[in-house]
PDB file of N, CA and C in Angstrom:
ATOM      1  N   MET A   1       5.232  12.478   7.587  1.00  0.00           N
ATOM      2  CA  MET A   1       4.559  12.376   6.274  1.00  0.00           C
ATOM      3  C   MET A   1       4.316  11.119   6.899  1.00  0.00           C
ATOM      4  N   ILE A   2       3.310  10.430   6.077  1.00  0.00           N
ATOM      5  CA  ILE A   2       3.006   8.761   6.046  1.00  0.00           C
ATOM      6  C   ILE A   2       2.527   7.888   4.641  1.00  0.00           C
ATOM      7  N   TYR A   3       2.914   6.989   4.515  1.00  0.00           N
ATOM      8  CA  TYR A   3       2.661   6.054   3.256  1.00  0.00           C
ATOM      9  C   TYR A   3       1.581   5.128   3.619  1.00  0.00           C
ATOM     10  N   CYS A   4       0.914   4.784   2.700  1.00  0.00           N
ATOM     11  CA  CYS A   4       0.063   3.316   2.720  1.00  0.00           C
ATOM     12  C   CYS A   4       0.854   2.492   1.630  1.00  0.00           C
ATOM     13  N   GLY A   5       0.959   1.420   2.296  1.00  0.00           N
ATOM     14  CA  GLY A   5       1.230   0.086   0.931  1.00  0.00           C
ATOM     15  C   GLY A   5       0.363  -1.163   1.196  1.00  0.00           C
ATOM     16  N   ILE A   6      -0.589  -1.302  -0.133  1.00  0.00           N
ATOM     17  CA  ILE A   6      -0.995  -2.462  -0.119  1.00  0.00           C
ATOM     18  C   ILE A   6      -0.283  -3.629  -1.011  1.00  0.00           C
ATOM     19  N   ASP A   7      -0.514  -4.814  -0.046  1.00  0.00           N
ATOM     20  CA  ASP A   7      -0.540  -6.155  -0.622  1.00  0.00           C
ATOM     21  C   ASP A   7      -1.444  -6.917  -1.319  1.00  0.00           C
ATOM     22  N   TRP A   8      -1.386  -6.578  -2.776  1.00  0.00           N
ATOM     23  CA  TRP A   8      -2.670  -7.090  -3.758  1.00  0.00           C
ATOM     24  C   TRP A   8      -2.740  -8.738  -3.672  1.00  0.00           C
ATOM     25  N   ALA A   9      -3.808  -9.114  -3.380  1.00  0.00           N
ATOM     26  CA  ALA A   9      -4.335 -10.129  -4.000  1.00  0.00           C
ATOM     27  C   ALA A   9      -5.672  -9.989  -4.891  1.00  0.00           C
ATOM     28  N   GLU A  10      -6.012 -11.322  -5.026  1.00  0.00           N
ATOM     29  CA  GLU A  10      -7.615 -11.406  -6.459  1.00  0.00           C
ATOM     30  C   GLU A  10      -8.361 -10.959  -5.227  1.00  0.00           C
ATOM     31  N   ARG A  11      -8.907 -11.471  -4.145  1.00  0.00           N
ATOM     32  CA  ARG A  11     -10.041 -11.205  -3.613  1.00  0.00           C
ATOM     33  C   ARG A  11     -10.260 -10.439  -2.409  1.00  0.00           C
ATOM     34  N   THR A  12      -8.667 -10.935  -1.711  1.00  0.00           N
ATOM     35  CA  THR A  12      -8.091  -9.659  -0.224  1.00  0.00           C
ATOM     36  C   THR A  12      -7.108  -8.803  -0.444  1.00  0.00           C
ATOM     37  N   HIS A  13      -6.895  -7.750   0.347  1.00  0.00           N
ATOM     38  CA  HIS A  13      -5.541  -6.929   0.614  1.00  0.00           C
ATOM     39  C   HIS A  13      -5.538  -6.731   1.960  1.00  0.00           C
ATOM     40  N   ASP A  14      -3.762  -6.895   1.824  1.00  0.00           N
ATOM     41  CA  ASP A  14      -3.555  -6.311   3.424  1.00  0.00           C
ATOM     42  C   ASP A  14      -3.000  -4.604   3.217  1.00  0.00           C
ATOM     43  N   VAL A  15      -3.550  -3.844   3.745  1.00  0.00           N
ATOM     44  CA  VAL A  15      -2.858  -2.639   4.090  1.00  0.00           C
ATOM     45  C   VAL A  15      -2.101  -2.018   5.156  1.00  0.00           C
ATOM     46  N   ALA A  16      -1.078  -1.508   5.494  1.00  0.00           N
ATOM     47  CA  ALA A  16      -0.230  -0.798   6.579  1.00  0.00           C
ATOM     48  C   ALA A  16      -0.007   0.177   6.048  1.00  0.00           C
ATOM     49  N   LEU A  17       0.057   1.224   6.562  1.00  0.00           N
ATOM     50  CA  LEU A  17       0.289   2.420   6.966  1.00  0.00           C
ATOM     51  C   LEU A  17       1.607   2.606   7.787  1.00  0.00           C
ATOM     52  N   VAL A  18       2.553   3.812   7.753  1.00  0.00           N
ATOM     53  CA  VAL A  18       3.795   3.379   7.985  1.00  0.00           C
ATOM     54  C   VAL A  18       4.547   4.887   8.007  1.00  0.00           C
ATOM     55  N   ASP A  19       5.020   5.607   9.332  1.00  0.00           N
ATOM     56  CA  ASP A  19       5.333   6.852   8.982  1.00  0.00           C
ATOM     57  C   ASP A  19       7.039   6.884   8.181  1.00  0.00           C
ATOM     58  N   ASP A  20       7.519   8.374   8.303  1.00  0.00           N
ATOM     59  CA  ASP A  20       9.348   8.183   8.055  1.00  0.00           C
ATOM     60  C   ASP A  20      10.249   7.545   8.373  1.00  0.00           C
ATOM     61  N   SER A  21       9.824   6.993   9.718  1.00  0.00           N
ATOM     62  CA  SER A  21      10.805   6.425  10.084  1.00  0.00           C
ATOM     63  C   SER A  21      10.501   4.962  10.387  1.00  0.00           C
ATOM     64  N   GLY A  22       9.562   4.690   9.237  1.00  0.00           N
ATOM     65  CA  GLY A  22       9.067   2.859   8.901  1.00  0.00           C
ATOM     66  C   GLY A  22       8.637   2.204  10.401  1.00  0.00           C
ATOM     67  N   GLN A  23       7.905   3.331  11.234  1.00  0.00           N
ATOM     68  CA  GLN A  23       7.112   2.620  12.423  1.00  0.00           C
ATOM     69  C   GLN A  23       5.821   2.465  11.677  1.00  0.00           C
ATOM     70  N   LEU A  24       5.146   1.037  12.078  1.00  0.00           N
ATOM     71  CA  LEU A  24       3.734   0.668  11.816  1.00  0.00           C
ATOM     72  C   LEU A  24       2.673   1.447  12.065  1.00  0.00           C
ATOM     73  N   LEU A  25       2.082   2.123  11.646  1.00  0.00           N
ATOM     74  CA  LEU A  25       0.785   2.894  12.388  1.00  0.00           C
ATOM     75  C   LEU A  25      -0.423   2.295  12.582  1.00  0.00           C
ATOM     76  N   ALA A  26      -0.509   1.961  11.157  1.00  0.00           N
ATOM     77  CA  ALA A  26      -2.078   0.887  11.349  1.00  0.00           C
ATOM     78  C   ALA A  26      -1.435  -0.131  10.356  1.00  0.00           C
ATOM     79  N   LYS A  27      -2.220  -1.377  10.321  1.00  0.00           N
ATOM     80  CA  LYS A  27      -2.859  -2.585   9.655  1.00  0.00           C
ATOM     81  C   LYS A  27      -4.053  -3.195   9.358  1.00  0.00           C
ATOM     82  N   ARG A  28      -4.275  -3.388   8.068  1.00  0.00           N
ATOM     83  CA  ARG A  28      -5.817  -3.650   8.099  1.00  0.00           C
ATOM     84  C   ARG A  28      -6.083  -4.583   6.759  1.00  0.00           C
ATOM     85  N   HIS A  29      -7.290  -5.753   6.991  1.00  0.00           N
ATOM     86  CA  HIS A  29      -6.923  -6.374   5.806  1.00  0.00           C
ATOM     87  C   HIS A  29      -8.403  -6.337   5.571  1.00  0.00           C
ATOM     88  N   ILE A  30      -8.575  -5.776   4.354  1.00  0.00           N
ATOM     89  CA  ILE A  30      -9.740  -5.167   3.455  1.00  0.00           C
ATOM     90  C   ILE A  30     -10.116  -6.586   2.218  1.00  0.00           C
ATOM     91  N   THR A  31     -11.430  -6.051   1.785  1.00  0.00           N
ATOM     92  CA  THR A  31     -11.684  -6.973   0.899  1.00  0.00           C
ATOM     93  C   THR A  31     -11.697  -6.301  -0.764  1.00  0.00           C
ATOM     94  N   ASP A  32     -11.738  -6.730  -1.573  1.00  0.00           N
ATOM     95  CA  ASP A  32     -11.442  -6.248  -2.887  1.00  0.00           C
ATOM     96  C   ASP A  32     -13.031  -6.057  -3.539  1.00  0.00           C
ATOM     97  N   ASP A  33     -14.126  -5.093  -2.796  1.00  0.00           N
ATOM     98  CA  ASP A  33     -14.945  -4.575  -2.998  1.00  0.00           C
ATOM     99  C   ASP A  33     -15.217  -3.104  -2.681  1.00  0.00           C
ATOM    100  N   ALA A  34     -16.487  -2.504  -2.436  1.00  0.00           N
ATOM    101  CA  ALA A  34     -16.916  -1.520  -2.403  1.00  0.00           C
ATOM    102  C   ALA A  34     -17.063  -1.353  -0.970  1.00  0.00           C
ATOM    103  N   ALA A  35     -17.215  -2.305   0.030  1.00  0.00           N
ATOM    104  CA  ALA A  35     -16.932  -2.413   1.725  1.00  0.00           C
ATOM    105  C   ALA A  35     -15.521  -2.172   1.938  1.00  0.00           C
ATOM    106  N   GLY A  36     -14.687  -3.172   1.419  1.00  0.00           N
ATOM    107  CA  GLY A  36     -13.412  -2.766   1.928  1.00  0.00           C
ATOM    108  C   GLY A  36     -12.661  -1.751   1.194  1.00  0.00           C
ATOM    109  N   TYR A  37     -12.891  -0.763  -0.071  1.00  0.00           N
ATOM    110  CA  TYR A  37     -12.705   0.737  -0.210  1.00  0.00           C
ATOM    111  C   TYR A  37     -13.056   1.085   0.518  1.00  0.00           C
ATOM    112  N   LYS A  38     -14.305   1.454   1.182  1.00  0.00           N
ATOM    113  CA  LYS A  38     -14.357   2.541   2.181  1.00  0.00           C
ATOM    114  C   LYS A  38     -13.867   1.893   3.908  1.00  0.00           C
ATOM    115  N   ILE A  39     -13.445   0.767   4.059  1.00  0.00           N
ATOM    116  CA  ILE A  39     -12.390   0.236   5.186  1.00  0.00           C
ATOM    117  C   ILE A  39     -11.227   1.241   5.176  1.00  0.00           C
ATOM    118  N   LEU A  40     -10.871   1.022   3.635  1.00  0.00           N
ATOM    119  CA  LEU A  40      -9.637   2.120   3.415  1.00  0.00           C
ATOM    120  C   LEU A  40      -9.639   3.130   3.315  1.00  0.00           C
ATOM    121  N   LEU A  41     -10.752   4.020   2.709  1.00  0.00           N
ATOM    122  CA  LEU A  41     -10.668   5.326   2.769  1.00  0.00           C
ATOM    123  C   LEU A  41     -10.800   5.582   4.342  1.00  0.00           C
ATOM    124  N   ASP A  42     -11.532   4.590   5.308  1.00  0.00           N
ATOM    125  CA  ASP A  42     -12.023   5.495   6.618  1.00  0.00           C
ATOM    126  C   ASP A  42      -9.967   5.366   7.368  1.00  0.00           C
ATOM    127  N   LEU A  43      -9.963   4.521   7.203  1.00  0.00           N
ATOM    128  CA  LEU A  43      -8.285   3.979   7.602  1.00  0.00           C
ATOM    129  C   LEU A  43      -7.222   5.040   7.254  1.00  0.00           C
ATOM    130  N   LEU A  44      -6.888   5.445   6.029  1.00  0.00           N
ATOM    131  CA  LEU A  44      -6.324   6.745   5.839  1.00  0.00           C
ATOM    132  C   LEU A  44      -7.327   8.155   6.413  1.00  0.00           C
ATOM    133  N   ALA A  45      -7.969   8.151   6.252  1.00  0.00           N
ATOM    134  CA  ALA A  45      -8.823   9.768   7.010  1.00  0.00           C
ATOM    135  C   ALA A  45      -8.806   9.598   8.362  1.00  0.00           C
ATOM    136  N   GLU A  46      -8.614   8.338   8.990  1.00  0.00           N
ATOM    137  CA  GLU A  46      -7.989   8.231  11.008  1.00  0.00           C
ATOM    138  C   GLU A  46      -6.615   8.511  11.078  1.00  0.00           C
ATOM    139  N   ASN A  47      -5.830   8.537   9.868  1.00  0.00           N
ATOM    140  CA  ASN A  47      -4.214   9.013  10.030  1.00  0.00           C
ATOM    141  C   ASN A  47      -3.913  10.139   9.627  1.00  0.00           C
ATOM    142  N   GLY A  48      -5.198  11.021   8.606  1.00  0.00           N
ATOM    143  CA  GLY A  48      -4.901  12.118   8.304  1.00  0.00           C
ATOM    144  C   GLY A  48      -4.797  12.397   7.024  1.00  0.00           C
ATOM    145  N   ASP A  49      -5.372  11.725   6.482  1.00  0.00           N
ATOM    146  CA  ASP A  49      -5.611  11.565   4.827  1.00  0.00           C
ATOM    147  C   ASP A  49      -6.905  12.961   4.341  1.00  0.00           C
ATOM    148  N   THR A  50      -6.590  13.762   3.593  1.00  0.00           N
ATOM    149  CA  THR A  50      -7.355  14.652   3.733  1.00  0.00           C
ATOM    150  C   THR A  50      -7.416  15.253   1.841  1.00  0.00           C
ATOM    151  N   GLU A  51      -8.702  15.242   1.238  1.00  0.00           N
ATOM    152  CA  GLU A  51      -8.448  15.787   0.170  1.00  0.00           C
ATOM    153  C   GLU A  51      -7.300  16.492  -0.648  1.00  0.00           C
ATOM    154  N   GLU A  52      -7.101  17.342   0.732  1.00  0.00           N
ATOM    155  CA  GLU A  52      -6.376  18.766   0.040  1.00  0.00           C
ATOM    156  C   GLU A  52      -4.448  17.589   0.430  1.00  0.00           C
ATOM    157  N   ASN A  53      -4.419  16.848   1.224  1.00  0.00           N
ATOM    158  CA  ASN A  53      -3.277  16.248   1.390  1.00  0.00           C
ATOM    159  C   ASN A  53      -3.419  14.804   1.595  1.00  0.00           C
ATOM    160  N   PRO A  54      -3.778  14.228   0.328  1.00  0.00           N
ATOM    161  CA  PRO A  54      -4.057  12.438   0.472  1.00  0.00           C
ATOM    162  C   PRO A  54      -2.565  12.503   0.654  1.00  0.00           C
ATOM    163  N   ILE A  55      -2.893  10.739   1.456  1.00  0.00           N
ATOM    164  CA  ILE A  55      -1.407   9.780   1.526  1.00  0.00           C
ATOM    165  C   ILE A  55      -1.282   9.022   0.901  1.00  0.00           C
ATOM    166  N   PRO A  56       0.036   9.060  -0.014  1.00  0.00           N
ATOM    167  CA  PRO A  56       0.379   8.353  -1.527  1.00  0.00           C
ATOM    168  C   PRO A  56       0.258   7.023  -0.729  1.00  0.00           C
ATOM    169  N   VAL A  57      -0.270   6.080  -1.625  1.00  0.00           N
ATOM    170  CA  VAL A  57       0.035   4.603  -1.971  1.00  0.00           C
ATOM    171  C   VAL A  57       0.504   3.867  -2.788  1.00  0.00           C
ATOM    172  N   ALA A  58       1.309   2.957  -2.334  1.00  0.00           N
ATOM    173  CA  ALA A  58       1.850   1.935  -3.276  1.00  0.00           C
ATOM    174  C   ALA A  58       1.498   0.460  -3.340  1.00  0.00           C
ATOM    175  N   ILE A  59       1.245  -0.018  -4.668  1.00  0.00           N
ATOM    176  CA  ILE A  59       0.145  -1.202  -4.418  1.00  0.00           C
ATOM    177  C   ILE A  59       1.039  -2.236  -5.531  1.00  0.00           C
ATOM    178  N   GLU A  60       0.919  -3.277  -5.504  1.00  0.00           N
ATOM    179  CA  GLU A  60       1.740  -4.252  -6.306  1.00  0.00           C
ATOM    180  C   GLU A  60       0.914  -4.428  -8.043  1.00  0.00           C
ATOM    181  N   THR A  61       0.129  -3.940  -8.080  1.00  0.00           N
ATOM    182  CA  THR A  61      -0.642  -3.733  -9.650  1.00  0.00           C
ATOM    183  C   THR A  61      -0.667  -2.416 -10.062  1.00  0.00           C
ATOM    184  N   SER A  62      -1.049  -2.567 -11.256  1.00  0.00           N
ATOM    185  CA  SER A  62      -0.918  -1.292 -11.775  1.00  0.00           C
ATOM    186  C   SER A  62      -2.453  -1.488 -12.283  1.00  0.00           C
ATOM    187  N   ARG A  63      -3.125  -2.489 -12.271  1.00  0.00           N
ATOM    188  CA  ARG A  63      -4.727  -2.483 -13.082  1.00  0.00           C
ATOM    189  C   ARG A  63      -5.642  -2.974 -11.826  1.00  0.00           C
ATOM    190  N   GLY A  64      -6.982  -2.865 -12.410  1.00  0.00           N
ATOM    191  CA  GLY A  64      -8.192  -3.728 -11.246  1.00  0.00           C
ATOM    192  C   GLY A  64      -8.813  -2.016 -10.908  1.00  0.00           C
ATOM    193  N   LEU A  65      -9.968  -2.883  -9.778  1.00  0.00           N
ATOM    194  CA  LEU A  65     -10.867  -1.434  -9.401  1.00  0.00           C
ATOM    195  C   LEU A  65     -10.397  -1.146  -8.235  1.00  0.00           C
ATOM    196  N   LEU A  66      -9.701  -1.413  -7.456  1.00  0.00           N
ATOM    197  CA  LEU A  66      -9.210  -0.691  -6.638  1.00  0.00           C
ATOM    198  C   LEU A  66      -7.982   0.169  -7.142  1.00  0.00           C
ATOM    199  N   VAL A  67      -7.152  -0.059  -7.871  1.00  0.00           N
ATOM    200  CA  VAL A  67      -5.770   0.950  -8.378  1.00  0.00           C
ATOM    201  C   VAL A  67      -7.312   2.468  -9.071  1.00  0.00           C
ATOM    202  N   ALA A  68      -7.901   1.982 -10.058  1.00  0.00           N
ATOM    203  CA  ALA A  68      -8.362   2.717 -10.463  1.00  0.00           C
ATOM    204  C   ALA A  68      -9.514   3.740 -10.011  1.00  0.00           C
ATOM    205  N   VAL A  69      -9.816   3.353  -8.404  1.00  0.00           N
ATOM    206  CA  VAL A  69     -10.768   4.137  -7.593  1.00  0.00           C
ATOM    207  C   VAL A  69      -9.731   5.185  -6.690  1.00  0.00           C
ATOM    208  N   LEU A  70      -8.579   4.387  -6.720  1.00  0.00           N
ATOM    209  CA  LEU A  70      -7.686   5.193  -5.446  1.00  0.00           C
ATOM    210  C   LEU A  70      -6.727   6.591  -6.895  1.00  0.00           C
ATOM    211  N   ARG A  71      -6.686   6.273  -8.059  1.00  0.00           N
ATOM    212  CA  ARG A  71      -6.302   7.326  -9.173  1.00  0.00           C
ATOM    213  C   ARG A  71      -7.491   8.513  -9.482  1.00  0.00           C
ATOM    214  N   THR A  72      -8.986   8.159  -8.552  1.00  0.00           N
ATOM    215  CA  THR A  72      -9.425   9.217  -8.861  1.00  0.00           C
ATOM    216  C   THR A  72      -9.328  10.568  -8.607  1.00  0.00           C
ATOM    217  N   GLY A  73      -8.434  10.714  -7.904  1.00  0.00           N
ATOM    218  CA  GLY A  73      -8.547  12.223  -6.758  1.00  0.00           C
ATOM    219  C   GLY A  73      -6.773  12.317  -7.047  1.00  0.00           C
ATOM    220  N   LYS A  74      -6.546  13.478  -6.159  1.00  0.00           N
ATOM    221  CA  LYS A  74      -5.252  14.105  -6.446  1.00  0.00           C
ATOM    222  C   LYS A  74      -4.086  12.893  -6.058  1.00  0.00           C
ATOM    223  N   ARG A  75      -4.617  11.482  -5.177  1.00  0.00           N
ATOM    224  CA  ARG A  75      -3.897  10.815  -4.435  1.00  0.00           C
ATOM    225  C   ARG A  75      -2.817  10.369  -5.398  1.00  0.00           C
ATOM    226  N   GLN A  76      -1.378  10.152  -5.255  1.00  0.00           N
ATOM    227  CA  GLN A  76      -0.174   9.642  -5.957  1.00  0.00           C
ATOM    228  C   GLN A  76      -0.461   8.243  -5.715  1.00  0.00           C
ATOM    229  N   VAL A  77      -0.236   7.514  -6.727  1.00  0.00           N
ATOM    230  CA  VAL A  77      -0.311   5.890  -6.853  1.00  0.00           C
ATOM    231  C   VAL A  77       0.556   5.366  -7.424  1.00  0.00           C
ATOM    232  N   PHE A  78       1.652   3.922  -6.942  1.00  0.00           N
ATOM    233  CA  PHE A  78       2.748   3.871  -7.307  1.00  0.00           C
ATOM    234  C   PHE A  78       2.585   2.319  -7.231  1.00  0.00           C
ATOM    235  N   ALA A  79       2.524   2.132  -8.330  1.00  0.00           N
ATOM    236  CA  ALA A  79       2.516   0.044  -8.845  1.00  0.00           C
ATOM    237  C   ALA A  79       4.043  -0.072  -9.157  1.00  0.00           C
ATOM    238  N   ILE A  80       3.946  -0.815  -7.875  1.00  0.00           N
ATOM    239  CA  ILE A  80       5.579  -1.350  -7.924  1.00  0.00           C
ATOM    240  C   ILE A  80       5.175  -3.015  -7.991  1.00  0.00           C
ATOM    241  N   ASN A  81       6.400  -3.990  -9.146  1.00  0.00           N
ATOM    242  CA  ASN A  81       6.243  -4.422  -9.735  1.00  0.00           C
ATOM    243  C   ASN A  81       6.729  -5.906  -8.562  1.00  0.00           C
ATOM    244  N   PRO A  82       5.810  -6.629  -8.261  1.00  0.00           N
ATOM    245  CA  PRO A  82       6.265  -7.761  -7.058  1.00  0.00           C
ATOM    246  C   PRO A  82       7.577  -8.471  -7.479  1.00  0.00           C
ATOM    247  N   MET A  83       8.179  -8.447  -8.352  1.00  0.00           N
ATOM    248  CA  MET A  83       9.493  -9.067  -8.626  1.00  0.00           C
ATOM    249  C   MET A  83      10.504  -7.979  -8.580  1.00  0.00           C
ATOM    250  N   ALA A  84      10.252  -6.844  -8.749  1.00  0.00           N
ATOM    251  CA  ALA A  84      11.257  -5.490  -8.720  1.00  0.00           C
ATOM    252  C   ALA A  84      11.527  -6.075  -7.036  1.00  0.00           C
ATOM    253  N   ALA A  85      10.598  -5.410  -6.404  1.00  0.00           N
ATOM    254  CA  ALA A  85      10.664  -5.624  -4.814  1.00  0.00           C
ATOM    255  C   ALA A  85      11.400  -6.951  -4.555  1.00  0.00           C
ATOM    256  N   ALA A  86      11.105  -7.750  -5.075  1.00  0.00           N
ATOM    257  CA  ALA A  86      12.217  -9.312  -4.342  1.00  0.00           C
ATOM    258  C   ALA A  86      13.512  -9.669  -4.868  1.00  0.00           C
ATOM    259  N   ARG A  87      13.801  -8.736  -5.880  1.00  0.00           N
ATOM    260  CA  ARG A  87      14.765  -8.906  -6.169  1.00  0.00           C
ATOM    261  C   ARG A  87      15.941  -7.651  -5.752  1.00  0.00           C
ATOM    262  N   TYR A  88      14.895  -6.116  -5.204  1.00  0.00           N
ATOM    263  CA  TYR A  88      15.913  -5.585  -4.019  1.00  0.00           C
ATOM    264  C   TYR A  88      16.406  -6.394  -3.057  1.00  0.00           C
ATOM    265  N   ARG A  89      14.961  -6.811  -2.523  1.00  0.00           N
ATOM    266  CA  ARG A  89      15.225  -7.351  -1.409  1.00  0.00           C
ATOM    267  C   ARG A  89      16.677  -8.894  -1.420  1.00  0.00           C
ATOM    268  N   ASP A  90      16.966  -9.365  -2.232  1.00  0.00           N
ATOM    269  CA  ASP A  90      18.060 -10.160  -2.182  1.00  0.00           C
ATOM    270  C   ASP A  90      19.388  -9.443  -2.790  1.00  0.00           C
ATOM    271  N   ARG A  91      18.995  -8.180  -3.285  1.00  0.00           N
ATOM    272  CA  ARG A  91      20.618  -7.510  -3.864  1.00  0.00           C
ATOM    273  C   ARG A  91      20.473  -6.582  -2.166  1.00  0.00           C
ATOM    274  N   HIS A  92      19.784  -6.583  -1.296  1.00  0.00           N
ATOM    275  CA  HIS A  92      20.096  -5.973  -0.311  1.00  0.00           C
ATOM    276  C   HIS A  92      19.870  -6.415   0.956  1.00  0.00           C
ATOM    277  N   SER A  93      20.028  -7.816   1.297  1.00  0.00           N
ATOM    278  CA  SER A  93      20.104  -8.355   2.372  1.00  0.00           C
ATOM    279  C   SER A  93      21.091  -9.319   2.145  1.00  0.00           C
ATOM    280  N   VAL A  94      21.445 -10.031   3.777  1.00  0.00           N
ATOM    281  CA  VAL A  94      22.540 -10.543   4.114  1.00  0.00           C
ATOM    282  C   VAL A  94      22.476 -12.173   3.496  1.00  0.00           C
ATOM    283  N   SER A  95      23.224 -12.817   2.846  1.00  0.00           N
ATOM    284  CA  SER A  95      22.964 -14.222   2.393  1.00  0.00           C
ATOM    285  C   SER A  95      23.409 -14.948   3.158  1.00  0.00           C
ATOM    286  N   ARG A  96      22.509 -15.758   3.042  1.00  0.00           N
ATOM    287  CA  ARG A  96      22.064 -16.890   4.216  1.00  0.00           C
ATOM    288  C   ARG A  96      23.145 -17.924   3.922  1.00  0.00           C
ATOM    289  N   LYS A  97      24.193 -18.057   3.476  1.00  0.00           N
ATOM    290  CA  LYS A  97      25.001 -19.013   2.809  1.00  0.00           C
ATOM    291  C   LYS A  97      26.125 -19.281   3.806  1.00  0.00           C
ATOM    292  N   LYS A  98      26.647 -20.606   4.151  1.00  0.00           N
ATOM    293  CA  LYS A  98      27.322 -20.570   5.170  1.00  0.00           C
ATOM    294  C   LYS A  98      28.719 -20.780   4.774  1.00  0.00           C
ATOM    295  N   SER A  99      30.013 -20.220   5.272  1.00  0.00           N
ATOM    296  CA  SER A  99      31.524 -20.372   4.622  1.00  0.00           C
ATOM    297  C   SER A  99      32.348 -21.688   5.352  1.00  0.00           C
TER     298      SER A  99
END
């Protein structure tokens, strides 16, 4: 199984595709416009994305043009609150405090 993660920003986004083991398969920087969306679709297609078996996408927002367009088909889109991800890292990482 392949998964797509998008680090959302106002004008540009960083896209990463990983497999079940967490190995990075592809990484791209896209713009927040039709050209950027086309690059994203091409990247997904190159890695096995089909209409019958779309690659799920996790993104840091639940709003915006990119999210709306991703949700038009059968694709699962998971909006992840960036603060929730930061708190998860805090809970599950080694403390940097010295004793």
